[in-house]
Amino acid sequence: DTYRVEKILFGLGFTQVDLEKDPLSFSGGYQIRINLAKLLVTEPNLLLLDEPVAGMNHSESEELASILKKIKKEYDLTIVLIEHDMKFIQKVCDRVLVLDYGKMIFEGKPEDMLKDREVIRAYLGDFDV
């Protein structure tokens, strides 16, 4: 119903004025929010997001991290991310699985991810740490 859709849109940062605009007129960051709204209307249990912050600046990435944390809690969602932005991952994820050429090299908490020798080698190169 209309009330539910508006509640979702307002929760994602849209205003009443925004609801009158052409959806294609919004910036890339808001396009992501529009897509999230479309998904949330279907009442999913799981969101699979493939590189959601690709092409975003730092501010947009920060906003999306906040939004994802909020909707994860509010809608009791499991969110699976495929992402290369380690800072974003650390802000959004409770659990991390890191792959290197299809092989799992780390599974654990985000705060431990960048301390792991295999993760460092795979993403930063070989050097003594």
C-alpha atoms as a PDB file:
ATOM      1  CA  ASP A   1       0.000   0.000   0.000  1.00  0.00           C
ATOM      2  CA  THR A   2       0.992   3.659  -0.399  1.00  0.00           C
ATOM      3  CA  TYR A   3       1.642   4.206   3.308  1.00  0.00           C
ATOM      4  CA  ARG A   4       4.162   1.333   3.445  1.00  0.00           C
ATOM      5  CA  VAL A   5       5.993   2.539   0.331  1.00  0.00           C
ATOM      6  CA  GLU A   6       6.194   6.106   1.667  1.00  0.00           C
ATOM      7  CA  LYS A   7       7.437   4.827   5.042  1.00  0.00           C
ATOM      8  CA  ILE A   8      10.223   2.928   3.287  1.00  0.00           C
ATOM      9  CA  LEU A   9      11.156   5.930   1.107  1.00  0.00           C
ATOM     10  CA  PHE A  10      11.148   8.359   4.039  1.00  0.00           C
ATOM     11  CA  GLY A  11      13.252   5.875   6.031  1.00  0.00           C
ATOM     12  CA  LEU A  12      15.818   5.929   3.227  1.00  0.00           C
ATOM     13  CA  GLY A  13      16.085   9.724   3.368  1.00  0.00           C
ATOM     14  CA  PHE A  14      13.588  10.818   0.726  1.00  0.00           C
ATOM     15  CA  THR A  15      11.319  13.808   1.381  1.00  0.00           C
ATOM     16  CA  GLN A  16       7.745  14.516   0.338  1.00  0.00           C
ATOM     17  CA  VAL A  17       9.116  16.807  -2.405  1.00  0.00           C
ATOM     18  CA  ASP A  18      11.310  13.949  -3.686  1.00  0.00           C
ATOM     19  CA  LEU A  19       8.227  11.810  -4.240  1.00  0.00           C
ATOM     20  CA  GLU A  20       7.089  14.232  -6.959  1.00  0.00           C
ATOM     21  CA  LYS A  21      10.387  14.063  -8.897  1.00  0.00           C
ATOM     22  CA  ASP A  22      11.298  11.884 -11.835  1.00  0.00           C
ATOM     23  CA  PRO A  23      13.230   8.905 -10.359  1.00  0.00           C
ATOM     24  CA  LEU A  24      15.833   9.224 -13.132  1.00  0.00           C
ATOM     25  CA  SER A  25      16.708  12.747 -11.986  1.00  0.00           C
ATOM     26  CA  PHE A  26      18.369  11.540  -8.775  1.00  0.00           C
ATOM     27  CA  SER A  27      22.122  11.145  -8.265  1.00  0.00           C
ATOM     28  CA  GLY A  28      23.829   7.760  -8.196  1.00  0.00           C
ATOM     29  CA  GLY A  29      23.674   7.593  -4.395  1.00  0.00           C
ATOM     30  CA  TYR A  30      19.932   8.168  -4.479  1.00  0.00           C
ATOM     31  CA  GLN A  31      19.533   5.676  -7.331  1.00  0.00           C
ATOM     32  CA  ILE A  32      20.921   3.045  -4.954  1.00  0.00           C
ATOM     33  CA  ARG A  33      18.335   4.147  -2.365  1.00  0.00           C
ATOM     34  CA  ILE A  34      15.565   3.858  -4.956  1.00  0.00           C
ATOM     35  CA  ASN A  35      16.708   0.320  -5.747  1.00  0.00           C
ATOM     36  CA  LEU A  36      16.845  -0.516  -2.035  1.00  0.00           C
ATOM     37  CA  ALA A  37      13.287   0.808  -1.655  1.00  0.00           C
ATOM     38  CA  LYS A  38      12.133  -1.440  -4.511  1.00  0.00           C
ATOM     39  CA  LEU A  39      13.712  -4.402  -2.751  1.00  0.00           C
ATOM     40  CA  LEU A  40      12.327  -3.535   0.700  1.00  0.00           C
ATOM     41  CA  VAL A  41       8.777  -3.309  -0.654  1.00  0.00           C
ATOM     42  CA  THR A  42       9.005  -7.033  -1.443  1.00  0.00           C
ATOM     43  CA  GLU A  43       9.780  -7.750   2.247  1.00  0.00           C
ATOM     44  CA  PRO A  44      12.931  -9.797   1.611  1.00  0.00           C
ATOM     45  CA  ASN A  45      14.838 -11.794   4.219  1.00  0.00           C
ATOM     46  CA  LEU A  46      18.089 -11.506   2.285  1.00  0.00           C
ATOM     47  CA  LEU A  47      19.758  -8.794   0.204  1.00  0.00           C
ATOM     48  CA  LEU A  48      22.636  -9.662  -2.119  1.00  0.00           C
ATOM     49  CA  LEU A  49      24.566  -6.542  -3.092  1.00  0.00           C
ATOM     50  CA  ASP A  50      27.351  -6.638  -5.666  1.00  0.00           C
ATOM     51  CA  GLU A  51      29.853  -3.798  -5.134  1.00  0.00           C
ATOM     52  CA  PRO A  52      27.269  -1.288  -3.921  1.00  0.00           C
ATOM     53  CA  VAL A  53      29.800   1.517  -3.391  1.00  0.00           C
ATOM     54  CA  ALA A  54      31.541   1.218  -6.775  1.00  0.00           C
ATOM     55  CA  GLY A  55      31.839   4.724  -8.209  1.00  0.00           C
ATOM     56  CA  MET A  56      30.738   6.444  -5.001  1.00  0.00           C
ATOM     57  CA  ASN A  57      32.706   9.141  -3.233  1.00  0.00           C
ATOM     58  CA  HIS A  58      33.602   8.834   0.462  1.00  0.00           C
ATOM     59  CA  SER A  59      30.534  10.753   1.656  1.00  0.00           C
ATOM     60  CA  GLU A  60      28.125   8.644  -0.409  1.00  0.00           C
ATOM     61  CA  SER A  61      29.821   5.466   0.798  1.00  0.00           C
ATOM     62  CA  GLU A  62      29.473   6.589   4.431  1.00  0.00           C
ATOM     63  CA  GLU A  63      25.777   7.347   3.900  1.00  0.00           C
ATOM     64  CA  LEU A  64      25.138   3.961   2.312  1.00  0.00           C
ATOM     65  CA  ALA A  65      26.922   2.193   5.184  1.00  0.00           C
ATOM     66  CA  SER A  66      24.635   3.973   7.654  1.00  0.00           C
ATOM     67  CA  ILE A  67      21.545   3.143   5.612  1.00  0.00           C
ATOM     68  CA  LEU A  68      22.461  -0.535   5.291  1.00  0.00           C
ATOM     69  CA  LYS A  69      23.125  -0.855   9.026  1.00  0.00           C
ATOM     70  CA  LYS A  70      19.786   0.819   9.734  1.00  0.00           C
ATOM     71  CA  ILE A  71      17.701  -1.305   7.357  1.00  0.00           C
ATOM     72  CA  LYS A  72      19.505  -4.480   8.418  1.00  0.00           C
ATOM     73  CA  LYS A  73      18.300  -3.889  11.957  1.00  0.00           C
ATOM     74  CA  GLU A  74      14.896  -2.385  11.141  1.00  0.00           C
ATOM     75  CA  TYR A  75      13.885  -5.083   8.636  1.00  0.00           C
ATOM     76  CA  ASP A  76      15.778  -7.974  10.288  1.00  0.00           C
ATOM     77  CA  LEU A  77      17.723  -8.612   7.074  1.00  0.00           C
ATOM     78  CA  THR A  78      20.690 -10.716   6.193  1.00  0.00           C
ATOM     79  CA  ILE A  79      22.875  -8.738   3.800  1.00  0.00           C
ATOM     80  CA  VAL A  80      25.480 -10.472   1.665  1.00  0.00           C
ATOM     81  CA  LEU A  81      28.005  -8.060   0.149  1.00  0.00           C
ATOM     82  CA  ILE A  82      30.476  -8.571  -2.627  1.00  0.00           C
ATOM     83  CA  GLU A  83      32.781  -5.615  -2.121  1.00  0.00           C
ATOM     84  CA  HIS A  84      36.432  -4.555  -2.378  1.00  0.00           C
ATOM     85  CA  ASP A  85      36.188  -1.456  -0.177  1.00  0.00           C
ATOM     86  CA  MET A  86      37.575  -2.788   3.095  1.00  0.00           C
ATOM     87  CA  LYS A  87      36.546   0.262   5.153  1.00  0.00           C
ATOM     88  CA  PHE A  88      32.966  -0.082   3.925  1.00  0.00           C
ATOM     89  CA  ILE A  89      32.994  -3.791   4.768  1.00  0.00           C
ATOM     90  CA  GLN A  90      34.249  -3.072   8.267  1.00  0.00           C
ATOM     91  CA  LYS A  91      31.434  -0.570   8.843  1.00  0.00           C
ATOM     92  CA  VAL A  92      28.585  -2.726   7.536  1.00  0.00           C
ATOM     93  CA  CYS A  93      29.466  -6.362   8.156  1.00  0.00           C
ATOM     94  CA  ASP A  94      29.299  -8.481  11.306  1.00  0.00           C
ATOM     95  CA  ARG A  95      31.052 -11.415   9.640  1.00  0.00           C
ATOM     96  CA  VAL A  96      33.457 -11.512   6.712  1.00  0.00           C
ATOM     97  CA  LEU A  97      34.511 -14.166   4.252  1.00  0.00           C
ATOM     98  CA  VAL A  98      37.481 -13.188   2.061  1.00  0.00           C
ATOM     99  CA  LEU A  99      38.231 -14.945  -1.209  1.00  0.00           C
ATOM    100  CA  ASP A 100      41.420 -14.866  -3.250  1.00  0.00           C
ATOM    101  CA  TYR A 101      40.906 -16.257  -6.746  1.00  0.00           C
ATOM    102  CA  GLY A 102      37.922 -18.268  -5.494  1.00  0.00           C
ATOM    103  CA  LYS A 103      39.754 -19.742  -2.499  1.00  0.00           C
ATOM    104  CA  MET A 104      38.574 -18.779   0.993  1.00  0.00           C
ATOM    105  CA  ILE A 105      41.505 -17.212   2.837  1.00  0.00           C
ATOM    106  CA  PHE A 106      39.732 -15.669   5.831  1.00  0.00           C
ATOM    107  CA  GLU A 107      36.525 -16.070   7.769  1.00  0.00           C
ATOM    108  CA  GLY A 108      35.800 -14.041  10.867  1.00  0.00           C
ATOM    109  CA  LYS A 109      35.136 -10.610  12.307  1.00  0.00           C
ATOM    110  CA  PRO A 110      35.741  -7.499  10.199  1.00  0.00           C
ATOM    111  CA  GLU A 111      38.118  -6.022  12.769  1.00  0.00           C
ATOM    112  CA  ASP A 112      40.364  -9.093  12.413  1.00  0.00           C
ATOM    113  CA  MET A 113      40.295  -9.120   8.607  1.00  0.00           C
ATOM    114  CA  LEU A 114      43.065  -6.578   8.005  1.00  0.00           C
ATOM    115  CA  LYS A 115      45.295  -8.196  10.629  1.00  0.00           C
ATOM    116  CA  ASP A 116      45.312 -11.491   8.755  1.00  0.00           C
ATOM    117  CA  ARG A 117      48.536 -12.252   6.851  1.00  0.00           C
ATOM    118  CA  GLU A 118      46.751 -13.947   3.921  1.00  0.00           C
ATOM    119  CA  VAL A 119      44.342 -11.031   3.479  1.00  0.00           C
ATOM    120  CA  ILE A 120      47.213  -8.545   3.606  1.00  0.00           C
ATOM    121  CA  ARG A 121      49.194 -10.570   1.057  1.00  0.00           C
ATOM    122  CA  ALA A 122      46.223 -10.941  -1.299  1.00  0.00           C
ATOM    123  CA  TYR A 123      45.056  -7.338  -1.181  1.00  0.00           C
ATOM    124  CA  LEU A 124      48.201  -5.346  -0.399  1.00  0.00           C
ATOM    125  CA  GLY A 125      50.971  -7.558  -1.764  1.00  0.00           C
ATOM    126  CA  ASP A 126      53.847  -9.473  -0.216  1.00  0.00           C
ATOM    127  CA  PHE A 127      55.871  -7.610   2.366  1.00  0.00           C
ATOM    128  CA  ASP A 128      56.814  -8.104   5.994  1.00  0.00           C
ATOM    129  CA  VAL A 129      54.200  -7.068   8.515  1.00  0.00           C
END
